[in-house]
Amino acid sequence: NPSPSPSPSPNPSPILHQEAGMTADQAFDTGHYTPTEMEQAGYTPGQVEGVLIDQKAAGMTAEQAVEAGFTPAQMEAAGYTPEQVGATLAGQKEDGMTAEQAGEAGYSASQMREAGYDEDEVGATLASRKEGGMTAEEASAAGYTPAQMEAAGYTTGQIEGILIDAKEGGMTASQA
């Protein structure tokens, strides 16, 4: 007599899908896998972003995307506006999320400002991101100001290099 199979665990490990032929959309639609688990199971970041693009087209709000485990970067890639992404963070800020936690969750400096964090809070997140390997170029692209970058320990040369590149790209002094 075969013994009855045990009941499934609440968080099954993300195995097999690629070999079993399950698409990223199908994996997500099961409700058992977060975007992070899907990537760990072998789906590409592009496939996971494709799921969110499809979900957004079907009416998924930015708040629902956050609740489903999509990152701010994935949300922007799927077409959510910075204002929509920032609004999700504003709600989390009201619930007690610190600027440091927002940075760890992947929110950019621009999104943190949009959510209502002040410049000191936003700037304070950069030091730990720098320790985690964020380059000066990445910090600038994430919306950190030259003053915040300097306070976080980036060298004057690193910051000037970004500004020189931006100027060569057409940025004016007032935009910098």
Protein backbone atom coordinates (compact mmCIF):
# COMPACT_ATOMS: atom_id res chain seq x y z
CA ASN A 1 0.00 0.00 0.00
CA PRO A 2 1.47 3.36 -0.94
CA SER A 3 1.33 5.82 1.89
CA PRO A 4 -0.66 8.99 1.26
CA SER A 5 1.47 11.84 0.07
CA PRO A 6 2.16 14.50 2.65
CA SER A 7 0.28 17.74 2.33
CA PRO A 8 2.19 20.38 0.38
CA SER A 9 4.26 22.81 2.35
CA PRO A 10 2.99 26.40 2.41
CA ASN A 11 6.12 27.59 0.60
CA PRO A 12 7.16 24.88 -1.81
CA SER A 13 10.71 25.22 -2.96
CA PRO A 14 11.00 26.62 -6.47
CA ILE A 15 12.24 23.57 -8.34
CA LEU A 16 11.64 22.05 -11.73
CA HIS A 17 9.62 24.66 -13.61
CA GLN A 18 12.04 25.19 -16.45
CA GLU A 19 12.43 21.42 -17.00
CA ALA A 20 8.69 20.84 -16.64
CA GLY A 21 8.00 23.49 -19.27
CA MET A 22 6.09 25.84 -16.99
CA THR A 23 6.23 29.40 -18.25
CA ALA A 24 7.04 32.28 -15.94
CA ASP A 25 3.42 33.45 -16.19
CA GLN A 26 2.19 29.98 -15.20
CA ALA A 27 4.60 29.82 -12.27
CA PHE A 28 3.45 33.21 -11.01
CA ASP A 29 -0.21 32.37 -11.56
CA THR A 30 0.06 29.39 -9.20
CA GLY A 31 0.36 31.88 -6.37
CA HIS A 32 3.11 29.80 -4.78
CA TYR A 33 6.18 31.66 -6.03
CA THR A 34 7.50 35.14 -5.46
CA PRO A 35 9.41 36.92 -8.22
CA THR A 36 12.63 36.27 -6.27
CA GLU A 37 11.89 32.54 -6.01
CA MET A 38 11.14 32.46 -9.74
CA GLU A 39 14.56 33.94 -10.52
CA GLN A 40 16.17 31.44 -8.14
CA ALA A 41 14.39 28.66 -10.05
CA GLY A 42 16.04 29.76 -13.28
CA TYR A 43 13.67 32.25 -14.84
CA THR A 44 15.54 35.23 -16.24
CA PRO A 45 15.00 38.75 -14.89
CA GLY A 46 13.44 39.55 -18.28
CA GLN A 47 10.93 36.71 -17.91
CA VAL A 48 9.98 37.88 -14.42
CA GLU A 49 9.60 41.47 -15.67
CA GLY A 50 7.46 40.07 -18.49
CA VAL A 51 5.12 38.57 -15.90
CA LEU A 52 4.73 41.98 -14.29
CA ILE A 53 4.16 43.67 -17.66
CA ASP A 54 1.35 41.18 -18.30
CA GLN A 55 -0.05 41.64 -14.79
CA LYS A 56 0.03 45.43 -15.15
CA ALA A 57 -1.80 45.18 -18.49
CA ALA A 58 -4.43 43.06 -16.71
CA GLY A 59 -4.90 45.78 -14.08
CA MET A 60 -2.39 45.04 -11.31
CA THR A 61 -1.80 48.22 -9.33
CA ALA A 62 1.59 49.32 -8.08
CA GLU A 63 0.50 48.47 -4.53
CA GLN A 64 -0.48 44.95 -5.61
CA ALA A 65 2.87 44.55 -7.41
CA VAL A 66 4.73 45.41 -4.19
CA GLU A 67 2.55 43.00 -2.21
CA ALA A 68 3.31 40.27 -4.78
CA GLY A 69 7.05 40.79 -4.20
CA PHE A 70 8.12 42.74 -7.27
CA THR A 71 11.02 45.15 -6.76
CA PRO A 72 10.90 48.87 -7.52
CA ALA A 73 13.30 48.30 -10.45
CA GLN A 74 11.06 45.58 -11.89
CA MET A 75 8.05 47.86 -11.47
CA GLU A 76 9.70 50.71 -13.36
CA ALA A 77 10.84 48.30 -16.09
CA ALA A 78 7.23 47.13 -16.42
CA GLY A 79 6.03 50.68 -16.97
CA TYR A 80 4.88 51.90 -13.57
CA THR A 81 5.69 55.60 -13.21
CA PRO A 82 8.14 56.87 -10.58
CA GLU A 83 5.13 58.54 -8.94
CA GLN A 84 3.27 55.21 -8.73
CA VAL A 85 6.31 53.44 -7.30
CA GLY A 86 6.94 56.33 -4.89
CA ALA A 87 3.31 56.20 -3.75
CA THR A 88 3.73 52.55 -2.73
CA LEU A 89 6.70 53.58 -0.64
CA ALA A 90 4.76 56.47 0.92
CA GLY A 91 2.28 53.94 2.30
CA GLN A 92 5.08 51.78 3.65
CA LYS A 93 6.70 54.88 5.18
CA GLU A 94 3.44 55.63 6.99
CA ASP A 95 3.53 52.05 8.28
CA GLY A 96 7.01 52.68 9.74
CA MET A 97 9.46 51.74 6.98
CA THR A 98 12.69 53.65 7.51
CA ALA A 99 14.72 55.17 4.67
CA GLU A 100 17.39 52.53 5.30
CA GLN A 101 14.82 49.76 4.92
CA ALA A 102 13.50 51.43 1.76
CA GLY A 103 17.01 51.48 0.32
CA GLU A 104 17.51 47.81 1.21
CA ALA A 105 14.20 47.02 -0.52
CA GLY A 106 15.55 48.58 -3.70
CA TYR A 107 13.92 51.99 -3.71
CA SER A 108 16.03 54.71 -5.34
CA ALA A 109 16.83 58.07 -3.80
CA SER A 110 14.35 59.68 -6.19
CA GLN A 111 11.60 57.29 -5.12
CA MET A 112 12.40 57.92 -1.44
CA ARG A 113 12.07 61.66 -2.00
CA GLU A 114 8.78 61.08 -3.84
CA ALA A 115 7.56 59.14 -0.78
CA GLY A 116 8.37 62.02 1.56
CA TYR A 117 11.70 61.08 3.14
CA ASP A 118 13.83 64.16 3.79
CA GLU A 119 17.24 64.71 2.21
CA ASP A 120 19.11 63.73 5.39
CA GLU A 121 17.26 60.40 5.58
CA VAL A 122 17.83 59.73 1.88
CA GLY A 123 21.50 60.67 2.06
CA ALA A 124 22.07 58.46 5.09
CA THR A 125 21.09 55.38 3.06
CA LEU A 126 23.92 55.89 0.60
CA ALA A 127 26.78 55.03 2.98
CA SER A 128 25.51 51.47 3.44
CA ARG A 129 24.75 51.12 -0.26
CA LYS A 130 28.31 52.25 -1.02
CA GLU A 131 29.65 49.62 1.40
CA GLY A 132 27.48 47.11 -0.46
CA GLY A 133 29.27 47.95 -3.69
CA MET A 134 27.22 50.76 -5.24
CA THR A 135 29.47 52.72 -7.59
CA ALA A 136 29.43 56.50 -7.89
CA GLU A 137 27.79 56.12 -11.31
CA GLU A 138 25.05 53.93 -9.85
CA ALA A 139 24.52 56.35 -6.96
CA SER A 140 24.12 59.23 -9.37
CA ALA A 141 21.72 57.23 -11.56
CA ALA A 142 19.67 56.35 -8.45
CA GLY A 143 19.17 60.06 -7.76
CA TYR A 144 21.70 60.78 -5.02
CA THR A 145 23.07 64.31 -5.08
CA PRO A 146 26.79 65.13 -5.32
CA ALA A 147 26.65 66.41 -1.72
CA GLN A 148 25.10 63.14 -0.51
CA MET A 149 27.71 61.18 -2.45
CA GLU A 150 30.53 63.17 -0.89
CA ALA A 151 29.05 62.67 2.60
CA ALA A 152 28.88 58.91 1.94
CA GLY A 153 32.59 58.80 1.15
CA TYR A 154 32.83 58.95 -2.62
CA THR A 155 35.92 60.86 -3.69
CA THR A 156 35.79 64.28 -5.30
CA GLY A 157 37.35 62.69 -8.39
CA GLN A 158 34.59 60.09 -8.63
CA ILE A 159 31.90 62.74 -8.32
CA GLU A 160 33.61 65.12 -10.73
CA GLY A 161 33.95 62.31 -13.26
CA ILE A 162 30.19 61.78 -13.22
CA LEU A 163 29.52 65.49 -13.60
CA ILE A 164 32.00 65.78 -16.47
CA ASP A 165 30.35 62.82 -18.22
CA ALA A 166 26.92 64.37 -17.63
CA LYS A 167 28.07 67.73 -19.00
CA GLU A 168 29.46 66.02 -22.09
CA GLY A 169 26.07 64.35 -22.41
CA GLY A 170 24.33 67.73 -22.47
CA MET A 171 23.46 68.29 -18.79
CA THR A 172 23.46 71.93 -17.72
CA ALA A 173 24.81 73.26 -14.42
CA SER A 174 21.31 73.88 -13.11
CA GLN A 175 20.33 70.26 -13.84
CA ALA A 176 23.38 68.99 -11.97
